[in-house]
Amino acid sequence: MDNRVPAQAFPAWETLQEELTERGLTSKDLATILGRSVEVAEQILTGRRPIGITTARKLEAAWGVSADFWLNLQQRYQWFLAEKGKQK
């Protein structure tokens, strides 16, 4: 029997919120960076929309934080949720 528990993973949107705060930026600023509406930016910032390849690349271009970083955060969190769901 497998009793392993997946390690805690943090949502990419939470890290993105922290990054915006550190840079003194708002969801409107994020929308401008992404070339998307404020509504879409807010969906990303609340986890209702995942950080995809295009978003990750735009964040990389704007801030120099690699697209891989954002995509890995997103993927690891989704994996964590899937594994956590299996444990119930």
N, C-alpha and C. Protein backbone atom coordinates (compact mmCIF):
# COMPACT_ATOMS: atom_id res chain seq x y z
N MET A 1 0.85 -1.17 0.00
CA MET A 1 0.00 0.00 0.00
C MET A 1 0.90 1.24 0.00
N ASP A 2 0.51 2.24 -0.78
CA ASP A 2 1.30 3.46 -0.94
C ASP A 2 0.74 4.56 -0.03
N ASN A 3 1.49 4.95 0.98
CA ASN A 3 1.04 5.98 1.93
C ASN A 3 1.70 7.32 1.70
N ARG A 4 2.33 7.50 0.54
CA ARG A 4 3.00 8.77 0.28
C ARG A 4 1.98 9.89 0.11
N VAL A 5 2.35 11.06 0.59
CA VAL A 5 1.53 12.26 0.45
C VAL A 5 2.31 13.23 -0.42
N PRO A 6 1.68 13.78 -1.46
CA PRO A 6 2.42 14.71 -2.31
C PRO A 6 2.84 15.96 -1.54
N ALA A 7 4.01 16.46 -1.88
CA ALA A 7 4.49 17.70 -1.26
C ALA A 7 3.58 18.85 -1.63
N GLN A 8 3.48 19.81 -0.74
CA GLN A 8 2.66 21.00 -1.01
C GLN A 8 3.23 21.75 -2.22
N ALA A 9 2.37 22.13 -3.10
CA ALA A 9 2.76 22.95 -4.25
C ALA A 9 1.97 24.25 -4.16
N PHE A 10 2.57 25.30 -4.66
CA PHE A 10 1.93 26.60 -4.58
C PHE A 10 1.43 27.01 -5.95
N PRO A 11 0.24 27.59 -6.00
CA PRO A 11 -0.32 27.99 -7.29
C PRO A 11 0.49 29.10 -7.95
N ALA A 12 0.62 29.00 -9.26
CA ALA A 12 1.36 30.00 -10.02
C ALA A 12 0.75 31.38 -9.85
N TRP A 13 -0.58 31.43 -9.75
CA TRP A 13 -1.23 32.74 -9.62
C TRP A 13 -0.87 33.42 -8.31
N GLU A 14 -0.61 32.63 -7.27
CA GLU A 14 -0.22 33.21 -5.99
C GLU A 14 1.16 33.87 -6.10
N THR A 15 2.06 33.20 -6.78
CA THR A 15 3.40 33.75 -7.01
C THR A 15 3.31 34.99 -7.89
N LEU A 16 2.44 34.95 -8.87
CA LEU A 16 2.24 36.10 -9.75
C LEU A 16 1.70 37.30 -8.96
N GLN A 17 0.77 37.05 -8.05
CA GLN A 17 0.25 38.13 -7.19
C GLN A 17 1.38 38.75 -6.37
N GLU A 18 2.22 37.90 -5.79
CA GLU A 18 3.35 38.39 -5.00
C GLU A 18 4.31 39.22 -5.85
N GLU A 19 4.55 38.76 -7.06
CA GLU A 19 5.44 39.48 -7.97
C GLU A 19 4.87 40.85 -8.31
N LEU A 20 3.58 40.91 -8.58
CA LEU A 20 2.95 42.20 -8.86
C LEU A 20 3.08 43.15 -7.66
N THR A 21 2.83 42.62 -6.47
CA THR A 21 2.92 43.43 -5.26
C THR A 21 4.33 43.97 -5.09
N GLU A 22 5.32 43.10 -5.25
CA GLU A 22 6.72 43.52 -5.10
C GLU A 22 7.10 44.61 -6.11
N ARG A 23 6.51 44.55 -7.28
CA ARG A 23 6.82 45.52 -8.33
C ARG A 23 5.91 46.75 -8.28
N GLY A 24 4.95 46.74 -7.35
CA GLY A 24 4.04 47.87 -7.22
C GLY A 24 3.08 47.98 -8.40
N LEU A 25 2.70 46.82 -8.95
CA LEU A 25 1.82 46.80 -10.12
C LEU A 25 0.43 46.30 -9.76
N THR A 26 -0.53 46.60 -10.63
CA THR A 26 -1.93 46.21 -10.44
C THR A 26 -2.36 45.22 -11.51
N SER A 27 -3.59 44.73 -11.38
CA SER A 27 -4.13 43.83 -12.41
C SER A 27 -4.24 44.56 -13.75
N LYS A 28 -4.47 45.86 -13.70
CA LYS A 28 -4.51 46.64 -14.95
C LYS A 28 -3.14 46.66 -15.60
N ASP A 29 -2.09 46.80 -14.81
CA ASP A 29 -0.73 46.75 -15.34
C ASP A 29 -0.45 45.37 -15.95
N LEU A 30 -0.90 44.33 -15.26
CA LEU A 30 -0.71 42.97 -15.79
C LEU A 30 -1.43 42.81 -17.11
N ALA A 31 -2.63 43.34 -17.19
CA ALA A 31 -3.40 43.26 -18.44
C ALA A 31 -2.61 43.92 -19.58
N THR A 32 -2.01 45.05 -19.31
CA THR A 32 -1.21 45.75 -20.32
C THR A 32 -0.01 44.90 -20.73
N ILE A 33 0.68 44.33 -19.75
CA ILE A 33 1.84 43.47 -20.04
C ILE A 33 1.45 42.30 -20.91
N LEU A 34 0.29 41.71 -20.61
CA LEU A 34 -0.16 40.52 -21.34
C LEU A 34 -0.87 40.85 -22.64
N GLY A 35 -1.25 42.12 -22.81
CA GLY A 35 -2.02 42.48 -23.99
C GLY A 35 -3.41 41.87 -23.96
N ARG A 36 -3.96 41.74 -22.74
CA ARG A 36 -5.27 41.13 -22.55
C ARG A 36 -6.14 42.10 -21.76
N SER A 37 -7.38 41.75 -21.59
CA SER A 37 -8.30 42.59 -20.82
C SER A 37 -7.99 42.48 -19.33
N VAL A 38 -8.47 43.46 -18.58
CA VAL A 38 -8.32 43.42 -17.12
C VAL A 38 -9.06 42.20 -16.57
N GLU A 39 -10.18 41.88 -17.17
CA GLU A 39 -10.95 40.71 -16.72
C GLU A 39 -10.12 39.44 -16.83
N VAL A 40 -9.43 39.25 -17.94
CA VAL A 40 -8.59 38.07 -18.12
C VAL A 40 -7.44 38.09 -17.12
N ALA A 41 -6.81 39.25 -16.94
CA ALA A 41 -5.72 39.36 -15.96
C ALA A 41 -6.20 38.98 -14.57
N GLU A 42 -7.39 39.43 -14.20
CA GLU A 42 -7.93 39.10 -12.88
C GLU A 42 -8.29 37.62 -12.76
N GLN A 43 -8.71 37.01 -13.85
CA GLN A 43 -8.98 35.57 -13.84
C GLN A 43 -7.68 34.79 -13.60
N ILE A 44 -6.61 35.24 -14.21
CA ILE A 44 -5.30 34.60 -13.98
C ILE A 44 -4.87 34.80 -12.54
N LEU A 45 -5.04 36.00 -12.03
CA LEU A 45 -4.60 36.33 -10.67
C LEU A 45 -5.40 35.65 -9.57
N THR A 46 -6.57 35.14 -9.91
CA THR A 46 -7.39 34.44 -8.92
C THR A 46 -7.45 32.94 -9.17
N GLY A 47 -6.68 32.47 -10.14
CA GLY A 47 -6.62 31.04 -10.41
C GLY A 47 -7.77 30.49 -11.22
N ARG A 48 -8.62 31.35 -11.74
CA ARG A 48 -9.74 30.88 -12.56
C ARG A 48 -9.31 30.61 -14.00
N ARG A 49 -8.14 31.09 -14.35
CA ARG A 49 -7.57 30.85 -15.68
C ARG A 49 -6.10 30.50 -15.46
N PRO A 50 -5.64 29.37 -16.03
CA PRO A 50 -4.24 28.98 -15.81
C PRO A 50 -3.25 29.86 -16.57
N ILE A 51 -2.03 29.85 -16.10
CA ILE A 51 -0.96 30.52 -16.83
C ILE A 51 -0.52 29.57 -17.94
N GLY A 52 -0.76 29.98 -19.16
CA GLY A 52 -0.40 29.17 -20.32
C GLY A 52 0.89 29.65 -20.96
N ILE A 53 1.22 29.06 -22.07
CA ILE A 53 2.48 29.35 -22.76
C ILE A 53 2.58 30.82 -23.16
N THR A 54 1.53 31.36 -23.76
CA THR A 54 1.57 32.75 -24.21
C THR A 54 1.76 33.70 -23.04
N THR A 55 1.02 33.48 -21.97
CA THR A 55 1.14 34.32 -20.78
C THR A 55 2.54 34.20 -20.20
N ALA A 56 3.05 32.99 -20.09
CA ALA A 56 4.39 32.77 -19.54
C ALA A 56 5.45 33.48 -20.37
N ARG A 57 5.32 33.43 -21.68
CA ARG A 57 6.29 34.10 -22.55
C ARG A 57 6.23 35.62 -22.39
N LYS A 58 5.02 36.15 -22.23
CA LYS A 58 4.89 37.60 -22.06
C LYS A 58 5.46 38.05 -20.71
N LEU A 59 5.28 37.23 -19.69
CA LEU A 59 5.88 37.55 -18.39
C LEU A 59 7.40 37.50 -18.48
N GLU A 60 7.90 36.53 -19.20
CA GLU A 60 9.35 36.43 -19.39
C GLU A 60 9.89 37.67 -20.11
N ALA A 61 9.21 38.09 -21.16
CA ALA A 61 9.66 39.26 -21.92
C ALA A 61 9.61 40.53 -21.06
N ALA A 62 8.59 40.64 -20.23
CA ALA A 62 8.41 41.86 -19.43
C ALA A 62 9.34 41.90 -18.22
N TRP A 63 9.54 40.75 -17.56
CA TRP A 63 10.23 40.75 -16.28
C TRP A 63 11.54 39.97 -16.27
N GLY A 64 11.80 39.20 -17.32
CA GLY A 64 13.02 38.41 -17.35
C GLY A 64 12.95 37.14 -16.51
N VAL A 65 11.78 36.80 -16.01
CA VAL A 65 11.58 35.54 -15.28
C VAL A 65 11.17 34.52 -16.32
N SER A 66 11.92 33.43 -16.44
CA SER A 66 11.72 32.50 -17.55
C SER A 66 10.30 31.97 -17.65
N ALA A 67 9.89 31.76 -18.89
CA ALA A 67 8.58 31.16 -19.15
C ALA A 67 8.50 29.79 -18.50
N ASP A 68 9.61 29.06 -18.51
CA ASP A 68 9.64 27.73 -17.88
C ASP A 68 9.28 27.80 -16.40
N PHE A 69 9.74 28.84 -15.72
CA PHE A 69 9.42 29.02 -14.31
C PHE A 69 7.91 29.05 -14.10
N TRP A 70 7.22 29.90 -14.87
CA TRP A 70 5.76 30.05 -14.72
C TRP A 70 5.03 28.78 -15.11
N LEU A 71 5.47 28.16 -16.20
CA LEU A 71 4.81 26.94 -16.64
C LEU A 71 5.02 25.79 -15.67
N ASN A 72 6.22 25.70 -15.10
CA ASN A 72 6.48 24.65 -14.11
C ASN A 72 5.65 24.86 -12.85
N LEU A 73 5.52 26.10 -12.39
CA LEU A 73 4.67 26.36 -11.24
C LEU A 73 3.24 25.90 -11.51
N GLN A 74 2.73 26.27 -12.68
CA GLN A 74 1.36 25.92 -13.05
C GLN A 74 1.19 24.40 -13.11
N GLN A 75 2.12 23.73 -13.77
CA GLN A 75 2.02 22.28 -13.94
C GLN A 75 2.15 21.54 -12.61
N ARG A 76 3.09 21.96 -11.78
CA ARG A 76 3.28 21.30 -10.49
C ARG A 76 2.05 21.46 -9.59
N TYR A 77 1.43 22.62 -9.65
CA TYR A 77 0.24 22.83 -8.83
C TYR A 77 -0.92 21.96 -9.34
N GLN A 78 -1.08 21.88 -10.65
CA GLN A 78 -2.14 21.03 -11.20
C GLN A 78 -1.89 19.56 -10.85
N TRP A 79 -0.64 19.15 -10.91
CA TRP A 79 -0.27 17.78 -10.55
C TRP A 79 -0.58 17.53 -9.07
N PHE A 80 -0.22 18.49 -8.22
CA PHE A 80 -0.48 18.39 -6.79
C PHE A 80 -1.98 18.19 -6.54
N LEU A 81 -2.80 19.00 -7.19
CA LEU A 81 -4.25 18.87 -7.00
C LEU A 81 -4.77 17.52 -7.47
N ALA A 82 -4.24 17.04 -8.59
CA ALA A 82 -4.66 15.73 -9.11
C ALA A 82 -4.28 14.62 -8.14
N GLU A 83 -3.06 14.67 -7.62
CA GLU A 83 -2.61 13.65 -6.67
C GLU A 83 -3.37 13.73 -5.35
N LYS A 84 -3.63 14.94 -4.92
CA LYS A 84 -4.39 15.14 -3.68
C LYS A 84 -5.79 14.55 -3.82
N GLY A 85 -6.38 14.73 -5.00
CA GLY A 85 -7.71 14.19 -5.28
C GLY A 85 -7.74 12.68 -5.25
N LYS A 86 -6.64 12.04 -5.64
CA LYS A 86 -6.57 10.57 -5.62
C LYS A 86 -6.55 10.03 -4.21
N GLN A 87 -6.08 10.82 -3.26
CA GLN A 87 -5.89 10.36 -1.88
C GLN A 87 -7.19 10.26 -1.12
N LYS A 88 -8.24 10.89 -1.61
CA LYS A 88 -9.50 10.91 -0.86
C LYS A 88 -10.25 9.60 -0.98
